[in-house]
Amino acid sequence: MHELSIALSIVDLAAEEADRRGVKVNAVHLRLGPLAGVVKDALLFSYDLACEGTPLDKSRLIIEEVPVVVHCSRCETDREPISMQDLRCSVCGDPTYEIVQGREMEIVALEVE
């Protein structure tokens, strides 16, 4: 389960930032796209394990799920594809090869006190 190693990294980064600023972390906000290769529920479970015995113990991991967005060269705009298995423009049906959004796995904020 690689989600545990990801959770450990998140906890390390957040703890380092909290220590640098002299604050306590109550929550970590994470943006997560479906193409990041991470199972949300496994990451949430792993996060709780990773926090035990650290300054982030009892903190929450808040995940914002980000949709896949592709760029359609025919329509010259960004939009969600027909499906995850069918990366074609949902309006004109052209195949799209440029993924604009959906691979994210980034810490975007810390709730601190």
PDB file of N, CA and C in Angstrom:
ATOM      1  N   MET A   1       0.846  -1.174   0.000  1.00  0.00           N
ATOM      2  CA  MET A   1       0.000   0.000   0.000  1.00  0.00           C
ATOM      3  C   MET A   1       0.898   1.245   0.000  1.00  0.00           C
ATOM      4  N   HIS A   2       1.036   1.881  -1.150  1.00  0.00           N
ATOM      5  CA  HIS A   2       1.906   3.048  -1.215  1.00  0.00           C
ATOM      6  C   HIS A   2       1.259   4.276  -0.594  1.00  0.00           C
ATOM      7  N   GLU A   3      -0.030   4.213  -0.258  1.00  0.00           N
ATOM      8  CA  GLU A   3      -0.697   5.334   0.385  1.00  0.00           C
ATOM      9  C   GLU A   3      -0.088   5.628   1.757  1.00  0.00           C
ATOM     10  N   LEU A   4       0.406   4.592   2.434  1.00  0.00           N
ATOM     11  CA  LEU A   4       1.032   4.818   3.732  1.00  0.00           C
ATOM     12  C   LEU A   4       2.302   5.649   3.585  1.00  0.00           C
ATOM     13  N   SER A   5       3.129   5.353   2.591  1.00  0.00           N
ATOM     14  CA  SER A   5       4.343   6.159   2.403  1.00  0.00           C
ATOM     15  C   SER A   5       3.991   7.583   1.998  1.00  0.00           C
ATOM     16  N   ILE A   6       2.918   7.750   1.242  1.00  0.00           N
ATOM     17  CA  ILE A   6       2.471   9.098   0.876  1.00  0.00           C
ATOM     18  C   ILE A   6       1.980   9.833   2.121  1.00  0.00           C
ATOM     19  N   ALA A   7       1.206   9.152   2.951  1.00  0.00           N
ATOM     20  CA  ALA A   7       0.711   9.758   4.191  1.00  0.00           C
ATOM     21  C   ALA A   7       1.861  10.154   5.110  1.00  0.00           C
ATOM     22  N   LEU A   8       2.867   9.304   5.209  1.00  0.00           N
ATOM     23  CA  LEU A   8       4.039   9.630   6.033  1.00  0.00           C
ATOM     24  C   LEU A   8       4.742  10.884   5.510  1.00  0.00           C
ATOM     25  N   SER A   9       4.832  11.015   4.196  1.00  0.00           N
ATOM     26  CA  SER A   9       5.447  12.205   3.606  1.00  0.00           C
ATOM     27  C   SER A   9       4.625  13.456   3.892  1.00  0.00           C
ATOM     28  N   ILE A  10       3.317  13.335   3.801  1.00  0.00           N
ATOM     29  CA  ILE A  10       2.438  14.479   4.100  1.00  0.00           C
ATOM     30  C   ILE A  10       2.624  14.919   5.549  1.00  0.00           C
ATOM     31  N   VAL A  11       2.637  13.947   6.456  1.00  0.00           N
ATOM     32  CA  VAL A  11       2.817  14.257   7.876  1.00  0.00           C
ATOM     33  C   VAL A  11       4.177  14.902   8.117  1.00  0.00           C
ATOM     34  N   ASP A  12       5.226  14.381   7.494  1.00  0.00           N
ATOM     35  CA  ASP A  12       6.566  14.959   7.650  1.00  0.00           C
ATOM     36  C   ASP A  12       6.606  16.407   7.172  1.00  0.00           C
ATOM     37  N   LEU A  13       6.040  16.659   5.994  1.00  0.00           N
ATOM     38  CA  LEU A  13       6.038  18.019   5.449  1.00  0.00           C
ATOM     39  C   LEU A  13       5.252  18.982   6.332  1.00  0.00           C
ATOM     40  N   ALA A  14       4.078  18.548   6.770  1.00  0.00           N
ATOM     41  CA  ALA A  14       3.241  19.408   7.611  1.00  0.00           C
ATOM     42  C   ALA A  14       3.888  19.649   8.973  1.00  0.00           C
ATOM     43  N   ALA A  15       4.486  18.623   9.551  1.00  0.00           N
ATOM     44  CA  ALA A  15       5.141  18.765  10.850  1.00  0.00           C
ATOM     45  C   ALA A  15       6.346  19.693  10.751  1.00  0.00           C
ATOM     46  N   GLU A  16       7.085  19.580   9.664  1.00  0.00           N
ATOM     47  CA  GLU A  16       8.241  20.459   9.448  1.00  0.00           C
ATOM     48  C   GLU A  16       7.792  21.920   9.344  1.00  0.00           C
ATOM     49  N   GLU A  17       6.733  22.165   8.593  1.00  0.00           N
ATOM     50  CA  GLU A  17       6.224  23.528   8.442  1.00  0.00           C
ATOM     51  C   GLU A  17       5.671  24.056   9.766  1.00  0.00           C
ATOM     52  N   ALA A  18       4.966  23.212  10.506  1.00  0.00           N
ATOM     53  CA  ALA A  18       4.420  23.617  11.802  1.00  0.00           C
ATOM     54  C   ALA A  18       5.539  23.956  12.778  1.00  0.00           C
ATOM     55  N   ASP A  19       6.584  23.158  12.782  1.00  0.00           N
ATOM     56  CA  ASP A  19       7.727  23.409  13.658  1.00  0.00           C
ATOM     57  C   ASP A  19       8.420  24.724  13.288  1.00  0.00           C
ATOM     58  N   ARG A  20       8.544  24.959  11.999  1.00  0.00           N
ATOM     59  CA  ARG A  20       9.204  26.182  11.532  1.00  0.00           C
ATOM     60  C   ARG A  20       8.425  27.426  11.940  1.00  0.00           C
ATOM     61  N   ARG A  21       7.100  27.319  11.949  1.00  0.00           N
ATOM     62  CA  ARG A  21       6.252  28.472  12.276  1.00  0.00           C
ATOM     63  C   ARG A  21       5.829  28.503  13.747  1.00  0.00           C
ATOM     64  N   GLY A  22       6.114  27.448  14.468  1.00  0.00           N
ATOM     65  CA  GLY A  22       5.738  27.385  15.872  1.00  0.00           C
ATOM     66  C   GLY A  22       4.235  27.288  16.094  1.00  0.00           C
ATOM     67  N   VAL A  23       3.567  26.479  15.288  1.00  0.00           N
ATOM     68  CA  VAL A  23       2.113  26.329  15.380  1.00  0.00           C
ATOM     69  C   VAL A  23       1.746  24.853  15.491  1.00  0.00           C
ATOM     70  N   LYS A  24       0.481  24.599  15.815  1.00  0.00           N
ATOM     71  CA  LYS A  24      -0.057  23.240  15.861  1.00  0.00           C
ATOM     72  C   LYS A  24      -0.972  23.058  14.654  1.00  0.00           C
ATOM     73  N   VAL A  25      -0.828  21.949  13.946  1.00  0.00           N
ATOM     74  CA  VAL A  25      -1.652  21.671  12.767  1.00  0.00           C
ATOM     75  C   VAL A  25      -2.907  20.931  13.194  1.00  0.00           C
ATOM     76  N   ASN A  26      -4.060  21.492  12.815  1.00  0.00           N
ATOM     77  CA  ASN A  26      -5.347  20.846  13.079  1.00  0.00           C
ATOM     78  C   ASN A  26      -5.843  20.075  11.868  1.00  0.00           C
ATOM     79  N   ALA A  27      -5.478  20.556  10.664  1.00  0.00           N
ATOM     80  CA  ALA A  27      -5.934  19.888   9.443  1.00  0.00           C
ATOM     81  C   ALA A  27      -4.972  20.182   8.301  1.00  0.00           C
ATOM     82  N   VAL A  28      -4.857  19.209   7.423  1.00  0.00           N
ATOM     83  CA  VAL A  28      -4.069  19.352   6.193  1.00  0.00           C
ATOM     84  C   VAL A  28      -5.052  19.258   5.034  1.00  0.00           C
ATOM     85  N   HIS A  29      -5.011  20.254   4.145  1.00  0.00           N
ATOM     86  CA  HIS A  29      -5.882  20.261   2.966  1.00  0.00           C
ATOM     87  C   HIS A  29      -5.065  19.791   1.762  1.00  0.00           C
ATOM     88  N   LEU A  30      -5.603  18.812   1.070  1.00  0.00           N
ATOM     89  CA  LEU A  30      -4.913  18.182  -0.054  1.00  0.00           C
ATOM     90  C   LEU A  30      -5.828  18.177  -1.275  1.00  0.00           C
ATOM     91  N   ARG A  31      -5.287  18.564  -2.423  1.00  0.00           N
ATOM     92  CA  ARG A  31      -6.007  18.431  -3.700  1.00  0.00           C
ATOM     93  C   ARG A  31      -5.550  17.121  -4.324  1.00  0.00           C
ATOM     94  N   LEU A  32      -6.525  16.306  -4.749  1.00  0.00           N
ATOM     95  CA  LEU A  32      -6.201  14.979  -5.258  1.00  0.00           C
ATOM     96  C   LEU A  32      -6.995  14.700  -6.529  1.00  0.00           C
ATOM     97  N   GLY A  33      -6.273  14.421  -7.603  1.00  0.00           N
ATOM     98  CA  GLY A  33      -6.899  14.083  -8.870  1.00  0.00           C
ATOM     99  C   GLY A  33      -6.987  12.580  -9.053  1.00  0.00           C
ATOM    100  N   PRO A  34      -7.955  12.124  -9.844  1.00  0.00           N
ATOM    101  CA  PRO A  34      -8.122  10.682 -10.047  1.00  0.00           C
ATOM    102  C   PRO A  34      -6.965  10.023 -10.801  1.00  0.00           C
ATOM    103  N   LEU A  35      -6.148  10.804 -11.499  1.00  0.00           N
ATOM    104  CA  LEU A  35      -5.012  10.236 -12.226  1.00  0.00           C
ATOM    105  C   LEU A  35      -3.725  10.235 -11.394  1.00  0.00           C
ATOM    106  N   ALA A  36      -3.823  10.603 -10.127  1.00  0.00           N
ATOM    107  CA  ALA A  36      -2.652  10.606  -9.246  1.00  0.00           C
ATOM    108  C   ALA A  36      -2.260   9.190  -8.823  1.00  0.00           C
ATOM    109  N   GLY A  37      -3.153   8.243  -9.023  1.00  0.00           N
ATOM    110  CA  GLY A  37      -2.838   6.863  -8.663  1.00  0.00           C
ATOM    111  C   GLY A  37      -2.930   6.593  -7.176  1.00  0.00           C
ATOM    112  N   VAL A  38      -3.770   7.345  -6.479  1.00  0.00           N
ATOM    113  CA  VAL A  38      -3.921   7.203  -5.033  1.00  0.00           C
ATOM    114  C   VAL A  38      -5.383   6.911  -4.717  1.00  0.00           C
ATOM    115  N   VAL A  39      -5.617   5.941  -3.848  1.00  0.00           N
ATOM    116  CA  VAL A  39      -6.966   5.606  -3.414  1.00  0.00           C
ATOM    117  C   VAL A  39      -7.292   6.477  -2.195  1.00  0.00           C
ATOM    118  N   LYS A  40      -8.313   7.324  -2.353  1.00  0.00           N
ATOM    119  CA  LYS A  40      -8.654   8.302  -1.313  1.00  0.00           C
ATOM    120  C   LYS A  40      -8.873   7.649   0.045  1.00  0.00           C
ATOM    121  N   ASP A  41      -9.701   6.624   0.111  1.00  0.00           N
ATOM    122  CA  ASP A  41     -10.009   5.987   1.402  1.00  0.00           C
ATOM    123  C   ASP A  41      -8.768   5.365   2.038  1.00  0.00           C
ATOM    124  N   ALA A  42      -7.917   4.778   1.230  1.00  0.00           N
ATOM    125  CA  ALA A  42      -6.673   4.195   1.754  1.00  0.00           C
ATOM    126  C   ALA A  42      -5.748   5.291   2.286  1.00  0.00           C
ATOM    127  N   LEU A  43      -5.734   6.434   1.610  1.00  0.00           N
ATOM    128  CA  LEU A  43      -4.898   7.545   2.070  1.00  0.00           C
ATOM    129  C   LEU A  43      -5.434   8.108   3.379  1.00  0.00           C
ATOM    130  N   LEU A  44      -6.741   8.255   3.499  1.00  0.00           N
ATOM    131  CA  LEU A  44      -7.327   8.755   4.746  1.00  0.00           C
ATOM    132  C   LEU A  44      -7.015   7.819   5.913  1.00  0.00           C
ATOM    133  N   PHE A  45      -7.149   6.512   5.691  1.00  0.00           N
ATOM    134  CA  PHE A  45      -6.827   5.533   6.723  1.00  0.00           C
ATOM    135  C   PHE A  45      -5.342   5.597   7.082  1.00  0.00           C
ATOM    136  N   SER A  46      -4.495   5.662   6.068  1.00  0.00           N
ATOM    137  CA  SER A  46      -3.052   5.705   6.282  1.00  0.00           C
ATOM    138  C   SER A  46      -2.627   6.978   6.996  1.00  0.00           C
ATOM    139  N   TYR A  47      -3.306   8.070   6.698  1.00  0.00           N
ATOM    140  CA  TYR A  47      -2.978   9.347   7.346  1.00  0.00           C
ATOM    141  C   TYR A  47      -3.157   9.242   8.861  1.00  0.00           C
ATOM    142  N   ASP A  48      -4.269   8.658   9.274  1.00  0.00           N
ATOM    143  CA  ASP A  48      -4.504   8.495  10.715  1.00  0.00           C
ATOM    144  C   ASP A  48      -3.395   7.666  11.356  1.00  0.00           C
ATOM    145  N   LEU A  49      -2.960   6.611  10.693  1.00  0.00           N
ATOM    146  CA  LEU A  49      -1.852   5.790  11.210  1.00  0.00           C
ATOM    147  C   LEU A  49      -0.551   6.582  11.250  1.00  0.00           C
ATOM    148  N   ALA A  50      -0.283   7.334  10.188  1.00  0.00           N
ATOM    149  CA  ALA A  50       0.967   8.093  10.082  1.00  0.00           C
ATOM    150  C   ALA A  50       1.068   9.189  11.142  1.00  0.00           C
ATOM    151  N   CYS A  51      -0.076   9.695  11.581  1.00  0.00           N
ATOM    152  CA  CYS A  51      -0.087  10.788  12.559  1.00  0.00           C
ATOM    153  C   CYS A  51       0.166  10.334  13.994  1.00  0.00           C
ATOM    154  N   GLU A  52      -0.092   9.060  14.263  1.00  0.00           N
ATOM    155  CA  GLU A  52       0.053   8.570  15.634  1.00  0.00           C
ATOM    156  C   GLU A  52       1.455   8.826  16.163  1.00  0.00           C
ATOM    157  N   GLY A  53       1.499   9.443  17.352  1.00  0.00           N
ATOM    158  CA  GLY A  53       2.774   9.710  17.999  1.00  0.00           C
ATOM    159  C   GLY A  53       3.560  10.867  17.407  1.00  0.00           C
ATOM    160  N   THR A  54       2.917  11.656  16.555  1.00  0.00           N
ATOM    161  CA  THR A  54       3.578  12.828  15.958  1.00  0.00           C
ATOM    162  C   THR A  54       2.852  14.090  16.412  1.00  0.00           C
ATOM    163  N   PRO A  55       3.423  15.255  16.155  1.00  0.00           N
ATOM    164  CA  PRO A  55       2.726  16.501  16.481  1.00  0.00           C
ATOM    165  C   PRO A  55       1.396  16.674  15.731  1.00  0.00           C
ATOM    166  N   LEU A  56       1.160  15.885  14.697  1.00  0.00           N
ATOM    167  CA  LEU A  56      -0.086  15.976  13.947  1.00  0.00           C
ATOM    168  C   LEU A  56      -1.149  14.995  14.435  1.00  0.00           C
ATOM    169  N   ASP A  57      -0.856  14.294  15.534  1.00  0.00           N
ATOM    170  CA  ASP A  57      -1.821  13.354  16.085  1.00  0.00           C
ATOM    171  C   ASP A  57      -3.153  14.069  16.302  1.00  0.00           C
ATOM    172  N   LYS A  58      -4.235  13.466  15.893  1.00  0.00           N
ATOM    173  CA  LYS A  58      -5.609  13.991  15.985  1.00  0.00           C
ATOM    174  C   LYS A  58      -5.913  15.066  14.936  1.00  0.00           C
ATOM    175  N   SER A  59      -4.996  15.339  14.031  1.00  0.00           N
ATOM    176  CA  SER A  59      -5.304  16.283  12.953  1.00  0.00           C
ATOM    177  C   SER A  59      -6.114  15.554  11.884  1.00  0.00           C
ATOM    178  N   ARG A  60      -6.717  16.325  10.987  1.00  0.00           N
ATOM    179  CA  ARG A  60      -7.548  15.746   9.934  1.00  0.00           C
ATOM    180  C   ARG A  60      -6.889  15.966   8.576  1.00  0.00           C
ATOM    181  N   LEU A  61      -7.133  15.045   7.685  1.00  0.00           N
ATOM    182  CA  LEU A  61      -6.736  15.198   6.292  1.00  0.00           C
ATOM    183  C   LEU A  61      -8.014  15.481   5.508  1.00  0.00           C
ATOM    184  N   ILE A  62      -8.076  16.651   4.908  1.00  0.00           N
ATOM    185  CA  ILE A  62      -9.250  17.065   4.138  1.00  0.00           C
ATOM    186  C   ILE A  62      -8.869  17.026   2.667  1.00  0.00           C
ATOM    187  N   ILE A  63      -9.539  16.148   1.928  1.00  0.00           N
ATOM    188  CA  ILE A  63      -9.187  15.936   0.522  1.00  0.00           C
ATOM    189  C   ILE A  63     -10.225  16.573  -0.379  1.00  0.00           C
ATOM    190  N   GLU A  64      -9.735  17.457  -1.246  1.00  0.00           N
ATOM    191  CA  GLU A  64     -10.569  18.035  -2.297  1.00  0.00           C
ATOM    192  C   GLU A  64     -10.310  17.220  -3.553  1.00  0.00           C
ATOM    193  N   GLU A  65     -11.334  16.561  -4.040  1.00  0.00           N
ATOM    194  CA  GLU A  65     -11.185  15.753  -5.244  1.00  0.00           C
ATOM    195  C   GLU A  65     -11.299  16.665  -6.467  1.00  0.00           C
ATOM    196  N   VAL A  66     -10.306  16.575  -7.331  1.00  0.00           N
ATOM    197  CA  VAL A  66     -10.221  17.414  -8.521  1.00  0.00           C
ATOM    198  C   VAL A  66     -10.589  16.578  -9.743  1.00  0.00           C
ATOM    199  N   PRO A  67     -11.492  17.060 -10.589  1.00  0.00           N
ATOM    200  CA  PRO A  67     -11.879  16.273 -11.770  1.00  0.00           C
ATOM    201  C   PRO A  67     -10.794  16.311 -12.852  1.00  0.00           C
ATOM    202  N   VAL A  68     -10.862  15.353 -13.734  1.00  0.00           N
ATOM    203  CA  VAL A  68      -9.977  15.354 -14.903  1.00  0.00           C
ATOM    204  C   VAL A  68     -10.502  16.397 -15.879  1.00  0.00           C
ATOM    205  N   VAL A  69      -9.598  17.227 -16.376  1.00  0.00           N
ATOM    206  CA  VAL A  69      -9.932  18.227 -17.390  1.00  0.00           C
ATOM    207  C   VAL A  69      -8.921  18.067 -18.518  1.00  0.00           C
ATOM    208  N   VAL A  70      -9.430  18.063 -19.736  1.00  0.00           N
ATOM    209  CA  VAL A  70      -8.571  17.943 -20.921  1.00  0.00           C
ATOM    210  C   VAL A  70      -8.745  19.178 -21.794  1.00  0.00           C
ATOM    211  N   HIS A  71      -7.763  19.414 -22.641  1.00  0.00           N
ATOM    212  CA  HIS A  71      -7.856  20.523 -23.585  1.00  0.00           C
ATOM    213  C   HIS A  71      -8.261  19.963 -24.951  1.00  0.00           C
ATOM    214  N   CYS A  72      -9.357  20.500 -25.497  1.00  0.00           N
ATOM    215  CA  CYS A  72      -9.814  20.101 -26.820  1.00  0.00           C
ATOM    216  C   CYS A  72      -9.273  21.098 -27.835  1.00  0.00           C
ATOM    217  N   SER A  73      -8.459  20.610 -28.740  1.00  0.00           N
ATOM    218  CA  SER A  73      -7.870  21.509 -29.737  1.00  0.00           C
ATOM    219  C   SER A  73      -8.894  21.947 -30.777  1.00  0.00           C
ATOM    220  N   ARG A  74      -9.894  21.138 -30.996  1.00  0.00           N
ATOM    221  CA  ARG A  74     -10.939  21.532 -31.955  1.00  0.00           C
ATOM    222  C   ARG A  74     -11.808  22.658 -31.381  1.00  0.00           C
ATOM    223  N   CYS A  75     -12.273  22.497 -30.144  1.00  0.00           N
ATOM    224  CA  CYS A  75     -13.116  23.522 -29.505  1.00  0.00           C
ATOM    225  C   CYS A  75     -12.282  24.674 -28.934  1.00  0.00           C
ATOM    226  N   GLU A  76     -10.976  24.432 -28.810  1.00  0.00           N
ATOM    227  CA  GLU A  76     -10.031  25.399 -28.230  1.00  0.00           C
ATOM    228  C   GLU A  76     -10.439  25.811 -26.824  1.00  0.00           C
ATOM    229  N   THR A  77     -10.800  24.817 -26.031  1.00  0.00           N
ATOM    230  CA  THR A  77     -11.174  25.073 -24.640  1.00  0.00           C
ATOM    231  C   THR A  77     -10.877  23.855 -23.776  1.00  0.00           C
ATOM    232  N   ASP A  78     -10.895  24.069 -22.473  1.00  0.00           N
ATOM    233  CA  ASP A  78     -10.692  22.991 -21.508  1.00  0.00           C
ATOM    234  C   ASP A  78     -12.046  22.519 -21.001  1.00  0.00           C
ATOM    235  N   ARG A  79     -12.217  21.205 -20.921  1.00  0.00           N
ATOM    236  CA  ARG A  79     -13.452  20.647 -20.357  1.00  0.00           C
ATOM    237  C   ARG A  79     -13.196  19.224 -19.873  1.00  0.00           C
ATOM    238  N   GLU A  80     -14.177  18.728 -19.119  1.00  0.00           N
ATOM    239  CA  GLU A  80     -14.077  17.358 -18.635  1.00  0.00           C
ATOM    240  C   GLU A  80     -14.296  16.403 -19.804  1.00  0.00           C
ATOM    241  N   PRO A  81     -13.571  15.287 -19.830  1.00  0.00           N
ATOM    242  CA  PRO A  81     -13.746  14.312 -20.920  1.00  0.00           C
ATOM    243  C   PRO A  81     -15.048  13.525 -20.754  1.00  0.00           C
ATOM    244  N   ILE A  82     -15.363  12.746 -21.770  1.00  0.00           N
ATOM    245  CA  ILE A  82     -16.563  11.911 -21.729  1.00  0.00           C
ATOM    246  C   ILE A  82     -16.526  10.990 -20.507  1.00  0.00           C
ATOM    247  N   SER A  83     -15.398  10.361 -20.261  1.00  0.00           N
ATOM    248  CA  SER A  83     -15.216   9.520 -19.078  1.00  0.00           C
ATOM    249  C   SER A  83     -13.722   9.346 -18.847  1.00  0.00           C
ATOM    250  N   MET A  84     -13.391   8.702 -17.735  1.00  0.00           N
ATOM    251  CA  MET A  84     -11.980   8.436 -17.422  1.00  0.00           C
ATOM    252  C   MET A  84     -11.386   7.442 -18.415  1.00  0.00           C
ATOM    253  N   GLN A  85     -12.207   6.577 -18.965  1.00  0.00           N
ATOM    254  CA  GLN A  85     -11.722   5.583 -19.913  1.00  0.00           C
ATOM    255  C   GLN A  85     -11.771   6.103 -21.352  1.00  0.00           C
ATOM    256  N   ASP A  86     -12.447   7.218 -21.567  1.00  0.00           N
ATOM    257  CA  ASP A  86     -12.656   7.752 -22.913  1.00  0.00           C
ATOM    258  C   ASP A  86     -12.318   9.242 -22.912  1.00  0.00           C
ATOM    259  N   LEU A  87     -11.029   9.542 -23.083  1.00  0.00           N
ATOM    260  CA  LEU A  87     -10.575  10.934 -23.004  1.00  0.00           C
ATOM    261  C   LEU A  87     -10.852  11.670 -24.314  1.00  0.00           C
ATOM    262  N   ARG A  88     -12.139  11.830 -24.587  1.00  0.00           N
ATOM    263  CA  ARG A  88     -12.562  12.623 -25.737  1.00  0.00           C
ATOM    264  C   ARG A  88     -13.353  13.819 -25.220  1.00  0.00           C
ATOM    265  N   CYS A  89     -13.360  14.878 -26.008  1.00  0.00           N
ATOM    266  CA  CYS A  89     -14.113  16.074 -25.669  1.00  0.00           C
ATOM    267  C   CYS A  89     -15.586  15.713 -25.480  1.00  0.00           C
ATOM    268  N   SER A  90     -16.163  16.176 -24.392  1.00  0.00           N
ATOM    269  CA  SER A  90     -17.552  15.857 -24.094  1.00  0.00           C
ATOM    270  C   SER A  90     -18.537  16.643 -24.955  1.00  0.00           C
ATOM    271  N   VAL A  91     -18.054  17.612 -25.727  1.00  0.00           N
ATOM    272  CA  VAL A  91     -18.939  18.395 -26.595  1.00  0.00           C
ATOM    273  C   VAL A  91     -18.838  17.940 -28.044  1.00  0.00           C
ATOM    274  N   CYS A  92     -17.605  17.931 -28.594  1.00  0.00           N
ATOM    275  CA  CYS A  92     -17.457  17.594 -30.013  1.00  0.00           C
ATOM    276  C   CYS A  92     -17.056  16.139 -30.258  1.00  0.00           C
ATOM    277  N   GLY A  93     -16.594  15.448 -29.227  1.00  0.00           N
ATOM    278  CA  GLY A  93     -16.222  14.044 -29.353  1.00  0.00           C
ATOM    279  C   GLY A  93     -14.829  13.787 -29.882  1.00  0.00           C
ATOM    280  N   ASP A  94     -14.052  14.837 -30.167  1.00  0.00           N
ATOM    281  CA  ASP A  94     -12.688  14.643 -30.646  1.00  0.00           C
ATOM    282  C   ASP A  94     -11.802  14.029 -29.553  1.00  0.00           C
ATOM    283  N   PRO A  95     -10.875  13.164 -29.949  1.00  0.00           N
ATOM    284  CA  PRO A  95      -9.924  12.635 -28.966  1.00  0.00           C
ATOM    285  C   PRO A  95      -9.058  13.783 -28.430  1.00  0.00           C
ATOM    286  N   THR A  96      -8.774  13.742 -27.150  1.00  0.00           N
ATOM    287  CA  THR A  96      -7.937  14.771 -26.531  1.00  0.00           C
ATOM    288  C   THR A  96      -6.713  14.103 -25.933  1.00  0.00           C
ATOM    289  N   TYR A  97      -5.594  14.735 -26.093  1.00  0.00           N
ATOM    290  CA  TYR A  97      -4.339  14.149 -25.613  1.00  0.00           C
ATOM    291  C   TYR A  97      -3.671  14.998 -24.550  1.00  0.00           C
ATOM    292  N   GLU A  98      -4.171  16.200 -24.369  1.00  0.00           N
ATOM    293  CA  GLU A  98      -3.563  17.106 -23.400  1.00  0.00           C
ATOM    294  C   GLU A  98      -4.398  17.139 -22.122  1.00  0.00           C
ATOM    295  N   ILE A  99      -3.879  16.514 -21.080  1.00  0.00           N
ATOM    296  CA  ILE A  99      -4.558  16.510 -19.781  1.00  0.00           C
ATOM    297  C   ILE A  99      -4.121  17.757 -19.031  1.00  0.00           C
ATOM    298  N   VAL A 100      -5.084  18.595 -18.701  1.00  0.00           N
ATOM    299  CA  VAL A 100      -4.817  19.879 -18.052  1.00  0.00           C
ATOM    300  C   VAL A 100      -4.873  19.743 -16.537  1.00  0.00           C
ATOM    301  N   GLN A 101      -5.753  18.889 -16.056  1.00  0.00           N
ATOM    302  CA  GLN A 101      -5.969  18.742 -14.623  1.00  0.00           C
ATOM    303  C   GLN A 101      -6.396  17.306 -14.332  1.00  0.00           C
ATOM    304  N   GLY A 102      -6.032  16.840 -13.144  1.00  0.00           N
ATOM    305  CA  GLY A 102      -6.462  15.511 -12.728  1.00  0.00           C
ATOM    306  C   GLY A 102      -5.349  14.645 -12.182  1.00  0.00           C
ATOM    307  N   ARG A 103      -4.109  15.120 -12.304  1.00  0.00           N
ATOM    308  CA  ARG A 103      -2.960  14.365 -11.779  1.00  0.00           C
ATOM    309  C   ARG A 103      -2.505  14.881 -10.417  1.00  0.00           C
ATOM    310  N   GLU A 104      -3.182  15.911  -9.917  1.00  0.00           N
ATOM    311  CA  GLU A 104      -2.729  16.598  -8.710  1.00  0.00           C
ATOM    312  C   GLU A 104      -2.699  15.705  -7.478  1.00  0.00           C
ATOM    313  N   MET A 105      -1.700  15.944  -6.678  1.00  0.00           N
ATOM    314  CA  MET A 105      -1.636  15.468  -5.309  1.00  0.00           C
ATOM    315  C   MET A 105      -0.765  16.495  -4.607  1.00  0.00           C
ATOM    316  N   GLU A 106      -1.423  17.526  -4.090  1.00  0.00           N
ATOM    317  CA  GLU A 106      -0.661  18.639  -3.523  1.00  0.00           C
ATOM    318  C   GLU A 106      -1.306  19.163  -2.246  1.00  0.00           C
ATOM    319  N   ILE A 107      -0.455  19.464  -1.303  1.00  0.00           N
ATOM    320  CA  ILE A 107      -0.916  20.112  -0.083  1.00  0.00           C
ATOM    321  C   ILE A 107      -1.167  21.567  -0.433  1.00  0.00           C
ATOM    322  N   VAL A 108      -2.379  22.040  -0.178  1.00  0.00           N
ATOM    323  CA  VAL A 108      -2.717  23.416  -0.531  1.00  0.00           C
ATOM    324  C   VAL A 108      -2.874  24.319   0.683  1.00  0.00           C
ATOM    325  N   ALA A 109      -3.111  23.744   1.863  1.00  0.00           N
ATOM    326  CA  ALA A 109      -3.275  24.579   3.046  1.00  0.00           C
ATOM    327  C   ALA A 109      -3.117  23.741   4.311  1.00  0.00           C
ATOM    328  N   LEU A 110      -2.748  24.432   5.367  1.00  0.00           N
ATOM    329  CA  LEU A 110      -2.715  23.846   6.703  1.00  0.00           C
ATOM    330  C   LEU A 110      -3.617  24.684   7.593  1.00  0.00           C
ATOM    331  N   GLU A 111      -4.497  24.038   8.354  1.00  0.00           N
ATOM    332  CA  GLU A 111      -5.251  24.734   9.380  1.00  0.00           C
ATOM    333  C   GLU A 111      -4.424  24.637  10.657  1.00  0.00           C
ATOM    334  N   VAL A 112      -4.094  25.782  11.220  1.00  0.00           N
ATOM    335  CA  VAL A 112      -3.198  25.808  12.383  1.00  0.00           C
ATOM    336  C   VAL A 112      -3.796  26.634  13.510  1.00  0.00           C
ATOM    337  N   GLU A 113      -3.215  26.455  14.692  1.00  0.00           N
ATOM    338  CA  GLU A 113      -3.567  27.316  15.836  1.00  0.00           C
ATOM    339  C   GLU A 113      -2.302  27.701  16.567  1.00  0.00           C
TER     340      GLU A 113
END
